[in-house]
Amino acid sequence: VGAALEGVPVRFRSALGMKRQKMEALRRGEPVLPPVRHCQCTSPLDKARILGEIDAMEGGQQAYDDFVNAMVELNFGRCARLAQLSGSAVAALAHLRQLEMDFRWCRDSLADLASLGLGGGGFRALRHLQGLSMNFSNCRKLSGADALGRELPLLPGLAKLELNFHSCKALAEVA
């Protein structure tokens, strides 16, 4: 799993192009991606080799699947899986230095950040994060950021923080 963060940075963008069933899975906190054992491959031998390498890591395929889904979910602001990670997935997240989270996919329904797992201490897994960008633009029902306030102190190395609350009308009414 750690090898996934040692190479070229991976970014997940534009929830607008995701299938409805994937968006609903994201809303419910269910895995967005299938288990690695069900992934397509060009060569059964390559798949067997890759699965063997994953199985040899601490936590095996479950840790790998949890890590990959956590990374996808993090980019969409869903943090609930962070507290459940184990094995090599926890160590791999410690390598993450930059994170962009885009909450616009739930702009019509997001009222409370805790509903996405923020505020429960999950950011502890991101303790080496140096840069964080969070886009809440047009999340009209968002009425508070207390959960975020509980998470940010868990990021001691955070040097750059960008928060976009443009057109968060309910939040503006609270202030």
Protein backbone atom coordinates (compact mmCIF):
# COMPACT_ATOMS: atom_id res chain seq x y z
CA VAL A 1 0.00 0.00 0.00
CA GLY A 2 2.83 2.37 0.84
CA ALA A 3 4.12 2.00 -2.70
CA ALA A 4 0.92 3.65 -3.90
CA LEU A 5 1.99 6.94 -2.34
CA GLU A 6 5.66 6.78 -3.25
CA GLY A 7 5.16 7.26 -6.98
CA VAL A 8 3.34 9.87 -9.01
CA PRO A 9 0.64 11.73 -7.04
CA VAL A 10 -2.88 10.53 -7.80
CA ARG A 11 -5.78 12.97 -7.85
CA PHE A 12 -9.47 12.17 -8.00
CA ARG A 13 -11.51 15.01 -9.42
CA SER A 14 -14.96 15.78 -10.74
CA ALA A 15 -17.64 13.82 -8.99
CA LEU A 16 -19.97 15.12 -11.68
CA GLY A 17 -18.88 12.33 -14.02
CA MET A 18 -19.47 9.49 -11.55
CA LYS A 19 -22.29 7.01 -12.07
CA ARG A 20 -25.35 7.45 -9.89
CA GLN A 21 -24.75 4.14 -8.08
CA LYS A 22 -21.21 5.23 -7.16
CA MET A 23 -22.48 8.58 -5.90
CA GLU A 24 -25.09 6.82 -3.77
CA ALA A 25 -22.43 4.49 -2.37
CA LEU A 26 -20.34 7.55 -1.49
CA ARG A 27 -23.35 9.14 0.26
CA ARG A 28 -23.99 5.97 2.29
CA GLY A 29 -20.33 5.53 3.19
CA GLU A 30 -20.04 2.27 1.28
CA PRO A 31 -16.95 1.35 -0.76
CA VAL A 32 -16.92 3.14 -4.11
CA LEU A 33 -14.44 0.73 -5.69
CA PRO A 34 -14.66 -3.06 -5.91
CA PRO A 35 -12.23 -5.24 -3.93
CA VAL A 36 -8.84 -5.62 -5.60
CA ARG A 37 -9.50 -9.34 -6.11
CA HIS A 38 -12.35 -8.38 -8.50
CA CYS A 39 -10.32 -5.91 -10.57
CA GLN A 40 -9.89 -6.59 -14.25
CA CYS A 41 -6.51 -7.57 -15.60
CA THR A 42 -4.78 -8.21 -18.88
CA SER A 43 -2.91 -11.24 -17.58
CA PRO A 44 -4.05 -13.74 -14.92
CA LEU A 45 -0.38 -14.28 -14.04
CA ASP A 46 0.11 -10.57 -13.37
CA LYS A 47 -3.02 -10.49 -11.25
CA ALA A 48 -1.85 -13.48 -9.21
CA ARG A 49 1.56 -11.86 -8.69
CA ILE A 50 0.06 -8.52 -7.65
CA LEU A 51 -2.44 -10.14 -5.29
CA GLY A 52 0.43 -12.17 -3.81
CA GLU A 53 2.38 -8.98 -3.11
CA ILE A 54 -0.68 -7.38 -1.53
CA ASP A 55 -1.37 -10.49 0.56
CA ALA A 56 2.21 -10.35 1.87
CA MET A 57 1.65 -6.83 3.27
CA GLU A 58 0.36 -6.27 6.78
CA GLY A 59 -3.43 -6.47 6.58
CA GLY A 60 -3.39 -7.97 3.09
CA GLN A 61 -6.18 -7.31 0.63
CA GLN A 62 -8.54 -5.87 3.24
CA ALA A 63 -6.02 -3.18 4.25
CA TYR A 64 -5.34 -2.44 0.58
CA ASP A 65 -9.05 -2.14 -0.27
CA ASP A 66 -9.67 0.05 2.77
CA PHE A 67 -6.74 2.30 1.84
CA VAL A 68 -7.79 2.75 -1.80
CA ASN A 69 -11.40 3.50 -0.86
CA ALA A 70 -10.27 5.87 1.90
CA MET A 71 -8.14 7.80 -0.61
CA VAL A 72 -11.05 8.14 -3.04
CA GLU A 73 -13.44 9.12 -0.25
CA LEU A 74 -11.00 11.66 1.22
CA ASN A 75 -10.94 13.55 -2.04
CA PHE A 76 -14.71 13.90 -1.75
CA GLY A 77 -14.56 14.92 1.91
CA ARG A 78 -15.75 11.63 3.37
CA CYS A 79 -13.55 10.80 6.36
CA ALA A 80 -15.45 8.07 8.22
CA ARG A 81 -13.19 5.27 6.96
CA LEU A 82 -10.05 6.89 8.42
CA ALA A 83 -10.79 5.71 11.95
CA GLN A 84 -11.28 2.13 10.72
CA LEU A 85 -7.99 1.72 8.85
CA SER A 86 -5.46 -0.84 10.00
CA GLY A 87 -2.28 -2.55 8.91
CA SER A 88 -0.22 -1.04 6.13
CA ALA A 89 -3.06 1.36 5.24
CA VAL A 90 -2.33 3.44 8.35
CA ALA A 91 1.38 3.59 7.56
CA ALA A 92 0.68 4.55 3.94
CA LEU A 93 -1.55 7.47 4.95
CA ALA A 94 1.27 8.80 7.10
CA HIS A 95 3.11 9.56 3.82
CA LEU A 96 0.35 11.83 2.53
CA ARG A 97 1.54 15.46 2.42
CA GLN A 98 -1.11 17.26 0.34
CA LEU A 99 -4.85 16.70 0.22
CA GLU A 100 -7.62 18.36 -1.76
CA MET A 101 -11.16 17.70 -0.58
CA ASP A 102 -14.13 18.71 -2.72
CA PHE A 103 -17.53 18.73 -1.01
CA ARG A 104 -19.48 20.13 -3.95
CA TRP A 105 -20.83 16.67 -4.86
CA CYS A 106 -23.11 16.92 -1.80
CA ARG A 107 -23.74 20.66 -1.96
CA ASP A 108 -27.53 20.24 -1.90
CA SER A 109 -27.60 18.00 1.16
CA LEU A 110 -24.56 18.71 3.35
CA ALA A 111 -25.69 20.37 6.58
CA ASP A 112 -23.30 18.87 9.11
CA LEU A 113 -19.65 17.90 8.55
CA ALA A 114 -19.95 15.15 11.15
CA SER A 115 -22.21 13.28 8.71
CA LEU A 116 -19.10 12.72 6.56
CA GLY A 117 -16.99 11.54 9.47
CA LEU A 118 -15.31 14.83 10.30
CA GLY A 119 -14.86 15.58 13.98
CA GLY A 120 -14.23 12.04 15.14
CA GLY A 121 -10.44 12.25 15.22
CA GLY A 122 -9.82 10.60 11.86
CA PHE A 123 -7.34 13.33 10.87
CA ARG A 124 -4.94 11.72 13.36
CA ALA A 125 -4.13 9.30 10.50
CA LEU A 126 -3.04 12.31 8.40
CA ARG A 127 -0.62 13.63 11.01
CA HIS A 128 2.11 14.49 8.46
CA LEU A 129 -0.19 16.47 6.18
CA GLN A 130 1.37 19.80 5.18
CA GLY A 131 -1.24 21.20 2.82
CA LEU A 132 -5.03 20.93 2.94
CA SER A 133 -7.57 22.45 0.57
CA MET A 134 -11.30 22.07 1.27
CA ASN A 135 -13.93 23.29 -1.19
CA PHE A 136 -17.40 23.75 0.33
CA SER A 137 -18.53 26.15 -2.40
CA ASN A 138 -22.33 26.33 -2.71
CA CYS A 139 -22.98 23.94 0.18
CA ARG A 140 -26.04 26.04 0.99
CA LYS A 141 -27.25 23.97 3.97
CA LEU A 142 -23.89 23.79 5.74
CA SER A 143 -24.54 25.48 9.06
CA GLY A 144 -21.39 24.90 11.07
CA ALA A 145 -17.74 23.93 10.96
CA ASP A 146 -17.25 22.77 14.55
CA ALA A 147 -16.27 19.27 13.40
CA LEU A 148 -13.49 20.75 11.28
CA GLY A 149 -12.32 22.74 14.29
CA ARG A 150 -11.88 19.48 16.21
CA GLU A 151 -9.82 17.90 13.40
CA LEU A 152 -7.37 20.67 12.47
CA PRO A 153 -5.40 20.52 15.77
CA LEU A 154 -4.57 16.90 14.88
CA LEU A 155 -2.45 18.15 11.95
CA PRO A 156 0.68 19.56 13.66
CA GLY A 157 2.64 19.95 10.41
CA LEU A 158 -0.09 21.78 8.50
CA ALA A 159 1.55 24.79 6.82
CA LYS A 160 -1.07 25.65 4.19
CA LEU A 161 -4.84 25.61 4.65
CA GLU A 162 -7.35 26.72 2.03
CA LEU A 163 -11.06 26.78 2.88
CA ASN A 164 -13.66 27.84 0.30
CA PHE A 165 -17.05 28.62 1.87
CA HIS A 166 -18.33 30.67 -1.10
CA SER A 167 -22.15 30.79 -1.15
CA CYS A 168 -22.57 28.71 2.00
CA LYS A 169 -25.70 30.65 2.91
CA ALA A 170 -26.63 28.80 6.11
CA LEU A 171 -23.07 29.20 7.39
CA ALA A 172 -23.19 32.93 6.72
CA GLU A 173 -26.42 33.20 8.73
CA VAL A 174 -24.71 31.61 11.76
CA ALA A 175 -21.87 34.13 11.66
